[in-house]
Amino acid sequence: MTPHLPGKQSDGAASISRAGGAAASPEGLCLGSSQSSGRAFVAVLTPPARQGEFFGLWDLANRLAAIAGPFSYGLANWLSGGDHRLAILTTGAYFLLGLLLLAGVDAERGRRAAVGQGA
């Protein structure tokens, strides 16, 4: 048995590594920015007197996403017979779904409502 040497990959392994990096990099950038901007957006829409409730729900949603994302990736990978590209597209669909859901949110109206409830 030969030990794995980082510089001695076969062409197949190198192409998988490049493809995985090309898909994972944009998804990682989206995750980081969406988590921080999402938390700030929740803060804008939260009435000051109900911050515990709103951020508790936010935490629950994040924990659910931490379960649903890897589960759906694994399920798509399993159902497709090991097609990681399809599994990545499946998790990418969550970003599109979130974008569609948030497109109808009127942030200014939500901020006014939150400030009105806090007074």
PDB file of N, CA and C in Angstrom:
ATOM      1  N   MET A   1       0.840  -1.173   0.000  1.00  0.00           N
ATOM      2  CA  MET A   1       0.000   0.000   0.000  1.00  0.00           C
ATOM      3  C   MET A   1       0.889   1.241   0.000  1.00  0.00           C
ATOM      4  N   THR A   2       0.607   2.155  -0.895  1.00  0.00           N
ATOM      5  CA  THR A   2       1.414   3.376  -1.009  1.00  0.00           C
ATOM      6  C   THR A   2       0.803   4.498  -0.178  1.00  0.00           C
ATOM      7  N   PRO A   3       1.638   5.234   0.510  1.00  0.00           N
ATOM      8  CA  PRO A   3       1.113   6.360   1.283  1.00  0.00           C
ATOM      9  C   PRO A   3       0.639   7.475   0.346  1.00  0.00           C
ATOM     10  N   HIS A   4      -0.310   8.260   0.823  1.00  0.00           N
ATOM     11  CA  HIS A   4      -0.815   9.378   0.022  1.00  0.00           C
ATOM     12  C   HIS A   4       0.177  10.529   0.077  1.00  0.00           C
ATOM     13  N   LEU A   5       0.625  10.946  -1.082  1.00  0.00           N
ATOM     14  CA  LEU A   5       1.529  12.089  -1.167  1.00  0.00           C
ATOM     15  C   LEU A   5       0.789  13.247  -1.831  1.00  0.00           C
ATOM     16  N   PRO A   6       0.748  14.421  -1.194  1.00  0.00           N
ATOM     17  CA  PRO A   6      -0.042  15.530  -1.722  1.00  0.00           C
ATOM     18  C   PRO A   6       0.304  15.912  -3.159  1.00  0.00           C
ATOM     19  N   GLY A   7       1.554  15.858  -3.548  1.00  0.00           N
ATOM     20  CA  GLY A   7       1.937  16.261  -4.901  1.00  0.00           C
ATOM     21  C   GLY A   7       1.777  15.150  -5.929  1.00  0.00           C
ATOM     22  N   LYS A   8       1.428  13.961  -5.527  1.00  0.00           N
ATOM     23  CA  LYS A   8       1.380  12.808  -6.419  1.00  0.00           C
ATOM     24  C   LYS A   8      -0.048  12.316  -6.630  1.00  0.00           C
ATOM     25  N   GLN A   9      -0.965  13.187  -6.997  1.00  0.00           N
ATOM     26  CA  GLN A   9      -2.333  12.771  -7.248  1.00  0.00           C
ATOM     27  C   GLN A   9      -2.478  12.348  -8.699  1.00  0.00           C
ATOM     28  N   SER A  10      -3.399  11.429  -8.917  1.00  0.00           N
ATOM     29  CA  SER A  10      -3.708  11.056 -10.291  1.00  0.00           C
ATOM     30  C   SER A  10      -4.498  12.195 -10.925  1.00  0.00           C
ATOM     31  N   ASP A  11      -4.637  12.167 -12.245  1.00  0.00           N
ATOM     32  CA  ASP A  11      -5.374  13.227 -12.929  1.00  0.00           C
ATOM     33  C   ASP A  11      -6.824  13.284 -12.455  1.00  0.00           C
ATOM     34  N   GLY A  12      -7.423  12.130 -12.191  1.00  0.00           N
ATOM     35  CA  GLY A  12      -8.812  12.106 -11.744  1.00  0.00           C
ATOM     36  C   GLY A  12      -8.991  12.783 -10.403  1.00  0.00           C
ATOM     37  N   ALA A  13      -8.097  12.511  -9.477  1.00  0.00           N
ATOM     38  CA  ALA A  13      -8.198  13.109  -8.150  1.00  0.00           C
ATOM     39  C   ALA A  13      -7.974  14.611  -8.208  1.00  0.00           C
ATOM     40  N   ALA A  14      -7.051  15.044  -9.059  1.00  0.00           N
ATOM     41  CA  ALA A  14      -6.792  16.479  -9.185  1.00  0.00           C
ATOM     42  C   ALA A  14      -7.991  17.201  -9.782  1.00  0.00           C
ATOM     43  N   SER A  15      -8.656  16.591 -10.763  1.00  0.00           N
ATOM     44  CA  SER A  15      -9.806  17.264 -11.367  1.00  0.00           C
ATOM     45  C   SER A  15     -10.977  17.319 -10.396  1.00  0.00           C
ATOM     46  N   ILE A  16     -11.137  16.285  -9.573  1.00  0.00           N
ATOM     47  CA  ILE A  16     -12.190  16.312  -8.558  1.00  0.00           C
ATOM     48  C   ILE A  16     -11.885  17.406  -7.548  1.00  0.00           C
ATOM     49  N   SER A  17     -10.625  17.531  -7.155  1.00  0.00           N
ATOM     50  CA  SER A  17     -10.229  18.540  -6.192  1.00  0.00           C
ATOM     51  C   SER A  17     -10.488  19.942  -6.737  1.00  0.00           C
ATOM     52  N   ARG A  18     -10.147  20.185  -8.011  1.00  0.00           N
ATOM     53  CA  ARG A  18     -10.393  21.493  -8.617  1.00  0.00           C
ATOM     54  C   ARG A  18     -11.882  21.781  -8.713  1.00  0.00           C
ATOM     55  N   ALA A  19     -12.671  20.794  -9.115  1.00  0.00           N
ATOM     56  CA  ALA A  19     -14.114  20.982  -9.249  1.00  0.00           C
ATOM     57  C   ALA A  19     -14.749  21.238  -7.891  1.00  0.00           C
ATOM     58  N   GLY A  20     -14.313  20.499  -6.890  1.00  0.00           N
ATOM     59  CA  GLY A  20     -14.852  20.699  -5.547  1.00  0.00           C
ATOM     60  C   GLY A  20     -14.515  22.071  -5.000  1.00  0.00           C
ATOM     61  N   GLY A  21     -13.286  22.519  -5.240  1.00  0.00           N
ATOM     62  CA  GLY A  21     -12.883  23.853  -4.785  1.00  0.00           C
ATOM     63  C   GLY A  21     -13.640  24.949  -5.509  1.00  0.00           C
ATOM     64  N   ALA A  22     -13.884  24.741  -6.799  1.00  0.00           N
ATOM     65  CA  ALA A  22     -14.617  25.744  -7.572  1.00  0.00           C
ATOM     66  C   ALA A  22     -16.061  25.859  -7.106  1.00  0.00           C
ATOM     67  N   ALA A  23     -16.634  24.775  -6.652  1.00  0.00           N
ATOM     68  CA  ALA A  23     -18.020  24.810  -6.171  1.00  0.00           C
ATOM     69  C   ALA A  23     -18.084  25.261  -4.718  1.00  0.00           C
ATOM     70  N   ALA A  24     -17.118  24.854  -3.915  1.00  0.00           N
ATOM     71  CA  ALA A  24     -17.169  25.155  -2.488  1.00  0.00           C
ATOM     72  C   ALA A  24     -16.817  26.609  -2.185  1.00  0.00           C
ATOM     73  N   SER A  25     -15.948  27.209  -2.960  1.00  0.00           N
ATOM     74  CA  SER A  25     -15.539  28.589  -2.680  1.00  0.00           C
ATOM     75  C   SER A  25     -16.692  29.575  -2.761  1.00  0.00           C
ATOM     76  N   PRO A  26     -17.456  29.611  -3.870  1.00  0.00           N
ATOM     77  CA  PRO A  26     -18.593  30.545  -3.901  1.00  0.00           C
ATOM     78  C   PRO A  26     -19.643  30.226  -2.833  1.00  0.00           C
ATOM     79  N   GLU A  27     -19.860  28.952  -2.569  1.00  0.00           N
ATOM     80  CA  GLU A  27     -20.851  28.588  -1.555  1.00  0.00           C
ATOM     81  C   GLU A  27     -20.383  29.033  -0.167  1.00  0.00           C
ATOM     82  N   GLY A  28     -19.107  28.907   0.103  1.00  0.00           N
ATOM     83  CA  GLY A  28     -18.571  29.371   1.385  1.00  0.00           C
ATOM     84  C   GLY A  28     -18.675  30.876   1.532  1.00  0.00           C
ATOM     85  N   LEU A  29     -18.408  31.602   0.455  1.00  0.00           N
ATOM     86  CA  LEU A  29     -18.568  33.057   0.496  1.00  0.00           C
ATOM     87  C   LEU A  29     -20.017  33.441   0.743  1.00  0.00           C
ATOM     88  N   CYS A  30     -20.935  32.736   0.107  1.00  0.00           N
ATOM     89  CA  CYS A  30     -22.365  33.021   0.300  1.00  0.00           C
ATOM     90  C   CYS A  30     -22.783  32.732   1.735  1.00  0.00           C
ATOM     91  N   LEU A  31     -22.295  31.650   2.292  1.00  0.00           N
ATOM     92  CA  LEU A  31     -22.678  31.292   3.658  1.00  0.00           C
ATOM     93  C   LEU A  31     -22.220  32.332   4.671  1.00  0.00           C
ATOM     94  N   GLY A  32     -20.984  32.754   4.554  1.00  0.00           N
ATOM     95  CA  GLY A  32     -20.464  33.736   5.500  1.00  0.00           C
ATOM     96  C   GLY A  32     -21.200  35.054   5.438  1.00  0.00           C
ATOM     97  N   SER A  33     -21.404  35.544   4.238  1.00  0.00           N
ATOM     98  CA  SER A  33     -22.070  36.837   4.100  1.00  0.00           C
ATOM     99  C   SER A  33     -23.551  36.734   4.421  1.00  0.00           C
ATOM    100  N   SER A  34     -24.193  35.634   4.090  1.00  0.00           N
ATOM    101  CA  SER A  34     -25.625  35.516   4.371  1.00  0.00           C
ATOM    102  C   SER A  34     -25.892  35.374   5.861  1.00  0.00           C
ATOM    103  N   GLN A  35     -25.016  34.720   6.586  1.00  0.00           N
ATOM    104  CA  GLN A  35     -25.228  34.579   8.031  1.00  0.00           C
ATOM    105  C   GLN A  35     -25.080  35.919   8.746  1.00  0.00           C
ATOM    106  N   SER A  36     -24.053  36.675   8.399  1.00  0.00           N
ATOM    107  CA  SER A  36     -23.860  37.955   9.090  1.00  0.00           C
ATOM    108  C   SER A  36     -24.906  38.978   8.675  1.00  0.00           C
ATOM    109  N   SER A  37     -25.234  39.046   7.400  1.00  0.00           N
ATOM    110  CA  SER A  37     -26.244  40.020   6.972  1.00  0.00           C
ATOM    111  C   SER A  37     -27.634  39.597   7.444  1.00  0.00           C
ATOM    112  N   GLY A  38     -27.889  38.303   7.510  1.00  0.00           N
ATOM    113  CA  GLY A  38     -29.170  37.825   8.013  1.00  0.00           C
ATOM    114  C   GLY A  38     -29.382  38.180   9.470  1.00  0.00           C
ATOM    115  N   ARG A  39     -28.344  38.044  10.277  1.00  0.00           N
ATOM    116  CA  ARG A  39     -28.451  38.390  11.700  1.00  0.00           C
ATOM    117  C   ARG A  39     -28.694  39.892  11.860  1.00  0.00           C
ATOM    118  N   ALA A  40     -28.004  40.698  11.066  1.00  0.00           N
ATOM    119  CA  ALA A  40     -28.210  42.148  11.124  1.00  0.00           C
ATOM    120  C   ALA A  40     -29.633  42.500  10.683  1.00  0.00           C
ATOM    121  N   PHE A  41     -30.142  41.798   9.680  1.00  0.00           N
ATOM    122  CA  PHE A  41     -31.498  42.051   9.184  1.00  0.00           C
ATOM    123  C   PHE A  41     -32.536  41.697  10.244  1.00  0.00           C
ATOM    124  N   VAL A  42     -32.314  40.608  10.956  1.00  0.00           N
ATOM    125  CA  VAL A  42     -33.216  40.227  12.049  1.00  0.00           C
ATOM    126  C   VAL A  42     -33.179  41.300  13.136  1.00  0.00           C
ATOM    127  N   ALA A  43     -32.010  41.844  13.422  1.00  0.00           N
ATOM    128  CA  ALA A  43     -31.900  42.898  14.435  1.00  0.00           C
ATOM    129  C   ALA A  43     -32.691  44.135  14.028  1.00  0.00           C
ATOM    130  N   VAL A  44     -32.680  44.459  12.731  1.00  0.00           N
ATOM    131  CA  VAL A  44     -33.430  45.622  12.242  1.00  0.00           C
ATOM    132  C   VAL A  44     -34.932  45.397  12.394  1.00  0.00           C
ATOM    133  N   LEU A  45     -35.391  44.181  12.173  1.00  0.00           N
ATOM    134  CA  LEU A  45     -36.826  43.876  12.201  1.00  0.00           C
ATOM    135  C   LEU A  45     -37.341  43.490  13.587  1.00  0.00           C
ATOM    136  N   THR A  46     -36.485  43.517  14.602  1.00  0.00           N
ATOM    137  CA  THR A  46     -36.862  43.061  15.936  1.00  0.00           C
ATOM    138  C   THR A  46     -37.299  44.211  16.825  1.00  0.00           C
ATOM    139  N   PRO A  47     -38.500  44.127  17.401  1.00  0.00           N
ATOM    140  CA  PRO A  47     -38.887  45.126  18.408  1.00  0.00           C
ATOM    141  C   PRO A  47     -37.969  44.993  19.627  1.00  0.00           C
ATOM    142  N   PRO A  48     -37.514  46.100  20.177  1.00  0.00           N
ATOM    143  CA  PRO A  48     -36.570  46.032  21.301  1.00  0.00           C
ATOM    144  C   PRO A  48     -37.062  45.185  22.473  1.00  0.00           C
ATOM    145  N   ALA A  49     -38.345  45.192  22.747  1.00  0.00           N
ATOM    146  CA  ALA A  49     -38.869  44.443  23.892  1.00  0.00           C
ATOM    147  C   ALA A  49     -38.957  42.944  23.637  1.00  0.00           C
ATOM    148  N   ARG A  50     -38.787  42.515  22.380  1.00  0.00           N
ATOM    149  CA  ARG A  50     -38.948  41.092  22.052  1.00  0.00           C
ATOM    150  C   ARG A  50     -37.686  40.484  21.432  1.00  0.00           C
ATOM    151  N   GLN A  51     -36.536  41.056  21.736  1.00  0.00           N
ATOM    152  CA  GLN A  51     -35.293  40.563  21.143  1.00  0.00           C
ATOM    153  C   GLN A  51     -35.006  39.112  21.501  1.00  0.00           C
ATOM    154  N   GLY A  52     -35.294  38.713  22.710  1.00  0.00           N
ATOM    155  CA  GLY A  52     -35.063  37.328  23.128  1.00  0.00           C
ATOM    156  C   GLY A  52     -35.849  36.346  22.278  1.00  0.00           C
ATOM    157  N   GLU A  53     -37.120  36.659  22.017  1.00  0.00           N
ATOM    158  CA  GLU A  53     -37.960  35.784  21.187  1.00  0.00           C
ATOM    159  C   GLU A  53     -37.429  35.686  19.769  1.00  0.00           C
ATOM    160  N   PHE A  54     -37.133  36.840  19.179  1.00  0.00           N
ATOM    161  CA  PHE A  54     -36.717  36.873  17.775  1.00  0.00           C
ATOM    162  C   PHE A  54     -35.374  36.165  17.574  1.00  0.00           C
ATOM    163  N   PHE A  55     -34.424  36.440  18.459  1.00  0.00           N
ATOM    164  CA  PHE A  55     -33.122  35.804  18.296  1.00  0.00           C
ATOM    165  C   PHE A  55     -33.137  34.342  18.729  1.00  0.00           C
ATOM    166  N   GLY A  56     -34.070  33.961  19.594  1.00  0.00           N
ATOM    167  CA  GLY A  56     -34.262  32.546  19.902  1.00  0.00           C
ATOM    168  C   GLY A  56     -34.763  31.792  18.682  1.00  0.00           C
ATOM    169  N   LEU A  57     -35.726  32.412  17.966  1.00  0.00           N
ATOM    170  CA  LEU A  57     -36.216  31.815  16.729  1.00  0.00           C
ATOM    171  C   LEU A  57     -35.112  31.772  15.680  1.00  0.00           C
ATOM    172  N   TRP A  58     -34.295  32.812  15.625  1.00  0.00           N
ATOM    173  CA  TRP A  58     -33.167  32.866  14.684  1.00  0.00           C
ATOM    174  C   TRP A  58     -32.196  31.712  14.971  1.00  0.00           C
ATOM    175  N   ASP A  59     -31.907  31.484  16.247  1.00  0.00           N
ATOM    176  CA  ASP A  59     -31.002  30.401  16.629  1.00  0.00           C
ATOM    177  C   ASP A  59     -31.591  29.039  16.262  1.00  0.00           C
ATOM    178  N   LEU A  60     -32.885  28.869  16.496  1.00  0.00           N
ATOM    179  CA  LEU A  60     -33.545  27.621  16.128  1.00  0.00           C
ATOM    180  C   LEU A  60     -33.469  27.381  14.621  1.00  0.00           C
ATOM    181  N   ALA A  61     -33.699  28.435  13.831  1.00  0.00           N
ATOM    182  CA  ALA A  61     -33.621  28.306  12.378  1.00  0.00           C
ATOM    183  C   ALA A  61     -32.205  27.941  11.929  1.00  0.00           C
ATOM    184  N   ASN A  62     -31.196  28.520  12.568  1.00  0.00           N
ATOM    185  CA  ASN A  62     -29.813  28.185  12.226  1.00  0.00           C
ATOM    186  C   ASN A  62     -29.482  26.736  12.570  1.00  0.00           C
ATOM    187  N   ARG A  63     -29.970  26.279  13.690  1.00  0.00           N
ATOM    188  CA  ARG A  63     -29.722  24.882  14.075  1.00  0.00           C
ATOM    189  C   ARG A  63     -30.438  23.913  13.132  1.00  0.00           C
ATOM    190  N   LEU A  64     -31.641  24.277  12.727  1.00  0.00           N
ATOM    191  CA  LEU A  64     -32.374  23.462  11.762  1.00  0.00           C
ATOM    192  C   LEU A  64     -31.641  23.421  10.422  1.00  0.00           C
ATOM    193  N   ALA A  65     -31.113  24.560  10.005  1.00  0.00           N
ATOM    194  CA  ALA A  65     -30.356  24.611   8.750  1.00  0.00           C
ATOM    195  C   ALA A  65     -29.086  23.765   8.833  1.00  0.00           C
ATOM    196  N   ALA A  66     -28.469  23.728  10.013  1.00  0.00           N
ATOM    197  CA  ALA A  66     -27.257  22.923  10.191  1.00  0.00           C
ATOM    198  C   ALA A  66     -27.556  21.428  10.095  1.00  0.00           C
ATOM    199  N   ILE A  67     -28.807  21.065  10.291  1.00  0.00           N
ATOM    200  CA  ILE A  67     -29.212  19.668  10.139  1.00  0.00           C
ATOM    201  C   ILE A  67     -29.736  19.408   8.728  1.00  0.00           C
ATOM    202  N   ALA A  68     -30.603  20.285   8.246  1.00  0.00           N
ATOM    203  CA  ALA A  68     -31.256  20.080   6.949  1.00  0.00           C
ATOM    204  C   ALA A  68     -30.271  20.143   5.783  1.00  0.00           C
ATOM    205  N   GLY A  69     -29.292  21.040   5.850  1.00  0.00           N
ATOM    206  CA  GLY A  69     -28.329  21.176   4.752  1.00  0.00           C
ATOM    207  C   GLY A  69     -27.511  19.913   4.518  1.00  0.00           C
ATOM    208  N   PRO A  70     -26.767  19.449   5.521  1.00  0.00           N
ATOM    209  CA  PRO A  70     -25.997  18.222   5.334  1.00  0.00           C
ATOM    210  C   PRO A  70     -26.876  16.998   5.053  1.00  0.00           C
ATOM    211  N   PHE A  71     -28.056  16.943   5.670  1.00  0.00           N
ATOM    212  CA  PHE A  71     -28.955  15.813   5.422  1.00  0.00           C
ATOM    213  C   PHE A  71     -29.406  15.794   3.960  1.00  0.00           C
ATOM    214  N   SER A  72     -29.820  16.953   3.442  1.00  0.00           N
ATOM    215  CA  SER A  72     -30.276  16.985   2.048  1.00  0.00           C
ATOM    216  C   SER A  72     -29.126  16.740   1.080  1.00  0.00           C
ATOM    217  N   TYR A  73     -27.915  17.206   1.432  1.00  0.00           N
ATOM    218  CA  TYR A  73     -26.742  16.925   0.595  1.00  0.00           C
ATOM    219  C   TYR A  73     -26.499  15.414   0.544  1.00  0.00           C
ATOM    220  N   GLY A  74     -26.493  14.787   1.704  1.00  0.00           N
ATOM    221  CA  GLY A  74     -26.269  13.341   1.752  1.00  0.00           C
ATOM    222  C   GLY A  74     -27.365  12.564   1.054  1.00  0.00           C
ATOM    223  N   LEU A  75     -28.606  12.990   1.223  1.00  0.00           N
ATOM    224  CA  LEU A  75     -29.724  12.321   0.567  1.00  0.00           C
ATOM    225  C   LEU A  75     -29.633  12.457  -0.949  1.00  0.00           C
ATOM    226  N   ALA A  76     -29.338  13.666  -1.428  1.00  0.00           N
ATOM    227  CA  ALA A  76     -29.199  13.867  -2.881  1.00  0.00           C
ATOM    228  C   ALA A  76     -28.025  13.066  -3.421  1.00  0.00           C
ATOM    229  N   ASN A  77     -26.949  13.020  -2.667  1.00  0.00           N
ATOM    230  CA  ASN A  77     -25.773  12.250  -3.083  1.00  0.00           C
ATOM    231  C   ASN A  77     -26.114  10.762  -3.161  1.00  0.00           C
ATOM    232  N   TRP A  78     -26.832  10.271  -2.171  1.00  0.00           N
ATOM    233  CA  TRP A  78     -27.208   8.863  -2.129  1.00  0.00           C
ATOM    234  C   TRP A  78     -28.195   8.523  -3.249  1.00  0.00           C
ATOM    235  N   LEU A  79     -29.234   9.356  -3.419  1.00  0.00           N
ATOM    236  CA  LEU A  79     -30.241   9.082  -4.446  1.00  0.00           C
ATOM    237  C   LEU A  79     -29.681   9.177  -5.866  1.00  0.00           C
ATOM    238  N   SER A  80     -28.662  10.011  -6.048  1.00  0.00           N
ATOM    239  CA  SER A  80     -28.084  10.166  -7.383  1.00  0.00           C
ATOM    240  C   SER A  80     -26.942   9.192  -7.645  1.00  0.00           C
ATOM    241  N   GLY A  81     -26.683   8.301  -6.728  1.00  0.00           N
ATOM    242  CA  GLY A  81     -25.622   7.320  -6.926  1.00  0.00           C
ATOM    243  C   GLY A  81     -24.226   7.901  -6.778  1.00  0.00           C
ATOM    244  N   GLY A  82     -24.082   8.924  -5.957  1.00  0.00           N
ATOM    245  CA  GLY A  82     -22.762   9.492  -5.688  1.00  0.00           C
ATOM    246  C   GLY A  82     -22.423  10.715  -6.517  1.00  0.00           C
ATOM    247  N   ASP A  83     -23.396  11.353  -7.129  1.00  0.00           N
ATOM    248  CA  ASP A  83     -23.147  12.549  -7.941  1.00  0.00           C
ATOM    249  C   ASP A  83     -23.063  13.775  -7.030  1.00  0.00           C
ATOM    250  N   HIS A  84     -21.830  14.171  -6.695  1.00  0.00           N
ATOM    251  CA  HIS A  84     -21.628  15.293  -5.782  1.00  0.00           C
ATOM    252  C   HIS A  84     -22.057  16.619  -6.403  1.00  0.00           C
ATOM    253  N   ARG A  85     -21.946  16.737  -7.704  1.00  0.00           N
ATOM    254  CA  ARG A  85     -22.364  17.984  -8.361  1.00  0.00           C
ATOM    255  C   ARG A  85     -23.858  18.213  -8.178  1.00  0.00           C
ATOM    256  N   LEU A  86     -24.638  17.175  -8.333  1.00  0.00           N
ATOM    257  CA  LEU A  86     -26.078  17.295  -8.130  1.00  0.00           C
ATOM    258  C   LEU A  86     -26.384  17.609  -6.670  1.00  0.00           C
ATOM    259  N   ALA A  87     -25.645  17.020  -5.764  1.00  0.00           N
ATOM    260  CA  ALA A  87     -25.852  17.286  -4.340  1.00  0.00           C
ATOM    261  C   ALA A  87     -25.527  18.742  -4.008  1.00  0.00           C
ATOM    262  N   ILE A  88     -24.471  19.282  -4.606  1.00  0.00           N
ATOM    263  CA  ILE A  88     -24.121  20.690  -4.392  1.00  0.00           C
ATOM    264  C   ILE A  88     -25.205  21.591  -4.970  1.00  0.00           C
ATOM    265  N   LEU A  89     -25.726  21.232  -6.141  1.00  0.00           N
ATOM    266  CA  LEU A  89     -26.826  22.016  -6.722  1.00  0.00           C
ATOM    267  C   LEU A  89     -28.058  21.981  -5.830  1.00  0.00           C
ATOM    268  N   THR A  90     -28.290  20.858  -5.190  1.00  0.00           N
ATOM    269  CA  THR A  90     -29.428  20.734  -4.278  1.00  0.00           C
ATOM    270  C   THR A  90     -29.285  21.705  -3.117  1.00  0.00           C
ATOM    271  N   THR A  91     -28.110  21.770  -2.523  1.00  0.00           N
ATOM    272  CA  THR A  91     -27.925  22.712  -1.423  1.00  0.00           C
ATOM    273  C   THR A  91     -27.912  24.145  -1.939  1.00  0.00           C
ATOM    274  N   GLY A  92     -27.447  24.361  -3.145  1.00  0.00           N
ATOM    275  CA  GLY A  92     -27.499  25.693  -3.745  1.00  0.00           C
ATOM    276  C   GLY A  92     -28.923  26.166  -3.960  1.00  0.00           C
ATOM    277  N   ALA A  93     -29.841  25.229  -4.131  1.00  0.00           N
ATOM    278  CA  ALA A  93     -31.252  25.587  -4.298  1.00  0.00           C
ATOM    279  C   ALA A  93     -31.795  26.262  -3.047  1.00  0.00           C
ATOM    280  N   TYR A  94     -31.220  25.958  -1.876  1.00  0.00           N
ATOM    281  CA  TYR A  94     -31.650  26.632  -0.648  1.00  0.00           C
ATOM    282  C   TYR A  94     -31.380  28.137  -0.737  1.00  0.00           C
ATOM    283  N   PHE A  95     -30.258  28.512  -1.331  1.00  0.00           N
ATOM    284  CA  PHE A  95     -29.943  29.938  -1.485  1.00  0.00           C
ATOM    285  C   PHE A  95     -30.973  30.614  -2.383  1.00  0.00           C
ATOM    286  N   LEU A  96     -31.322  29.955  -3.479  1.00  0.00           N
ATOM    287  CA  LEU A  96     -32.317  30.533  -4.390  1.00  0.00           C
ATOM    288  C   LEU A  96     -33.687  30.620  -3.733  1.00  0.00           C
ATOM    289  N   LEU A  97     -34.066  29.609  -2.986  1.00  0.00           N
ATOM    290  CA  LEU A  97     -35.338  29.628  -2.272  1.00  0.00           C
ATOM    291  C   LEU A  97     -35.369  30.769  -1.253  1.00  0.00           C
ATOM    292  N   GLY A  98     -34.283  30.938  -0.527  1.00  0.00           N
ATOM    293  CA  GLY A  98     -34.201  32.041   0.433  1.00  0.00           C
ATOM    294  C   GLY A  98     -34.285  33.394  -0.241  1.00  0.00           C
ATOM    295  N   LEU A  99     -33.633  33.523  -1.386  1.00  0.00           N
ATOM    296  CA  LEU A  99     -33.688  34.776  -2.141  1.00  0.00           C
ATOM    297  C   LEU A  99     -35.109  35.080  -2.593  1.00  0.00           C
ATOM    298  N   LEU A 100     -35.805  34.063  -3.069  1.00  0.00           N
ATOM    299  CA  LEU A 100     -37.196  34.256  -3.496  1.00  0.00           C
ATOM    300  C   LEU A 100     -38.104  34.626  -2.325  1.00  0.00           C
ATOM    301  N   LEU A 101     -37.896  33.976  -1.190  1.00  0.00           N
ATOM    302  CA  LEU A 101     -38.714  34.274  -0.015  1.00  0.00           C
ATOM    303  C   LEU A 101     -38.464  35.690   0.510  1.00  0.00           C
ATOM    304  N   LEU A 102     -37.219  36.120   0.490  1.00  0.00           N
ATOM    305  CA  LEU A 102     -36.886  37.441   1.016  1.00  0.00           C
ATOM    306  C   LEU A 102     -37.160  38.571   0.032  1.00  0.00           C
ATOM    307  N   ALA A 103     -37.402  38.237  -1.224  1.00  0.00           N
ATOM    308  CA  ALA A 103     -37.659  39.278  -2.223  1.00  0.00           C
ATOM    309  C   ALA A 103     -38.929  40.066  -1.900  1.00  0.00           C
ATOM    310  N   GLY A 104     -39.882  39.447  -1.252  1.00  0.00           N
ATOM    311  CA  GLY A 104     -41.131  40.120  -0.929  1.00  0.00           C
ATOM    312  C   GLY A 104     -41.139  40.839   0.407  1.00  0.00           C
ATOM    313  N   VAL A 105     -40.031  40.831   1.128  1.00  0.00           N
ATOM    314  CA  VAL A 105     -39.982  41.463   2.444  1.00  0.00           C
ATOM    315  C   VAL A 105     -39.711  42.960   2.282  1.00  0.00           C
ATOM    316  N   ASP A 106     -40.569  43.767   2.866  1.00  0.00           N
ATOM    317  CA  ASP A 106     -40.394  45.220   2.865  1.00  0.00           C
ATOM    318  C   ASP A 106     -39.651  45.595   4.150  1.00  0.00           C
ATOM    319  N   ALA A 107     -38.338  45.788   4.035  1.00  0.00           N
ATOM    320  CA  ALA A 107     -37.501  46.022   5.207  1.00  0.00           C
ATOM    321  C   ALA A 107     -37.869  47.322   5.916  1.00  0.00           C
ATOM    322  N   GLU A 108     -38.165  48.351   5.166  1.00  0.00           N
ATOM    323  CA  GLU A 108     -38.505  49.631   5.778  1.00  0.00           C
ATOM    324  C   GLU A 108     -39.807  49.535   6.573  1.00  0.00           C
ATOM    325  N   ARG A 109     -40.786  48.859   6.024  1.00  0.00           N
ATOM    326  CA  ARG A 109     -42.056  48.663   6.724  1.00  0.00           C
ATOM    327  C   ARG A 109     -41.838  47.834   8.003  1.00  0.00           C
ATOM    328  N   GLY A 110     -40.996  46.800   7.913  1.00  0.00           N
ATOM    329  CA  GLY A 110     -40.688  45.982   9.075  1.00  0.00           C
ATOM    330  C   GLY A 110     -39.960  46.762  10.151  1.00  0.00           C
ATOM    331  N   ARG A 111     -39.041  47.632   9.745  1.00  0.00           N
ATOM    332  CA  ARG A 111     -38.316  48.455  10.715  1.00  0.00           C
ATOM    333  C   ARG A 111     -39.270  49.407  11.425  1.00  0.00           C
ATOM    334  N   ARG A 112     -40.174  50.040  10.654  1.00  0.00           N
ATOM    335  CA  ARG A 112     -41.153  50.950  11.262  1.00  0.00           C
ATOM    336  C   ARG A 112     -42.052  50.204  12.250  1.00  0.00           C
ATOM    337  N   ALA A 113     -42.468  48.996  11.877  1.00  0.00           N
ATOM    338  CA  ALA A 113     -43.319  48.190  12.774  1.00  0.00           C
ATOM    339  C   ALA A 113     -42.558  47.817  14.038  1.00  0.00           C
ATOM    340  N   ALA A 114     -41.291  47.455  13.909  1.00  0.00           N
ATOM    341  CA  ALA A 114     -40.482  47.084  15.074  1.00  0.00           C
ATOM    342  C   ALA A 114     -40.291  48.278  15.998  1.00  0.00           C
ATOM    343  N   VAL A 115     -40.014  49.443  15.427  1.00  0.00           N
ATOM    344  CA  VAL A 115     -39.826  50.647  16.245  1.00  0.00           C
ATOM    345  C   VAL A 115     -41.133  51.038  16.909  1.00  0.00           C
ATOM    346  N   GLY A 116     -42.245  50.864  16.196  1.00  0.00           N
ATOM    347  CA  GLY A 116     -43.557  51.193  16.746  1.00  0.00           C
ATOM    348  C   GLY A 116     -43.936  50.306  17.909  1.00  0.00           C
ATOM    349  N   GLN A 117     -43.543  49.036  17.868  1.00  0.00           N
ATOM    350  CA  GLN A 117     -43.855  48.108  18.970  1.00  0.00           C
ATOM    351  C   GLN A 117     -42.943  48.332  20.166  1.00  0.00           C
ATOM    352  N   GLY A 118     -41.769  48.879  19.904  1.00  0.00           N
ATOM    353  CA  GLY A 118     -40.806  49.081  20.991  1.00  0.00           C
ATOM    354  C   GLY A 118     -41.120  50.297  21.838  1.00  0.00           C
ATOM    355  N   ALA A 119     -41.958  51.185  21.325  1.00  0.00           N
ATOM    356  CA  ALA A 119     -42.241  52.430  22.047  1.00  0.00           C
ATOM    357  C   ALA A 119     -43.250  52.245  23.147  1.00  0.00           C
TER     358      ALA A 119
END
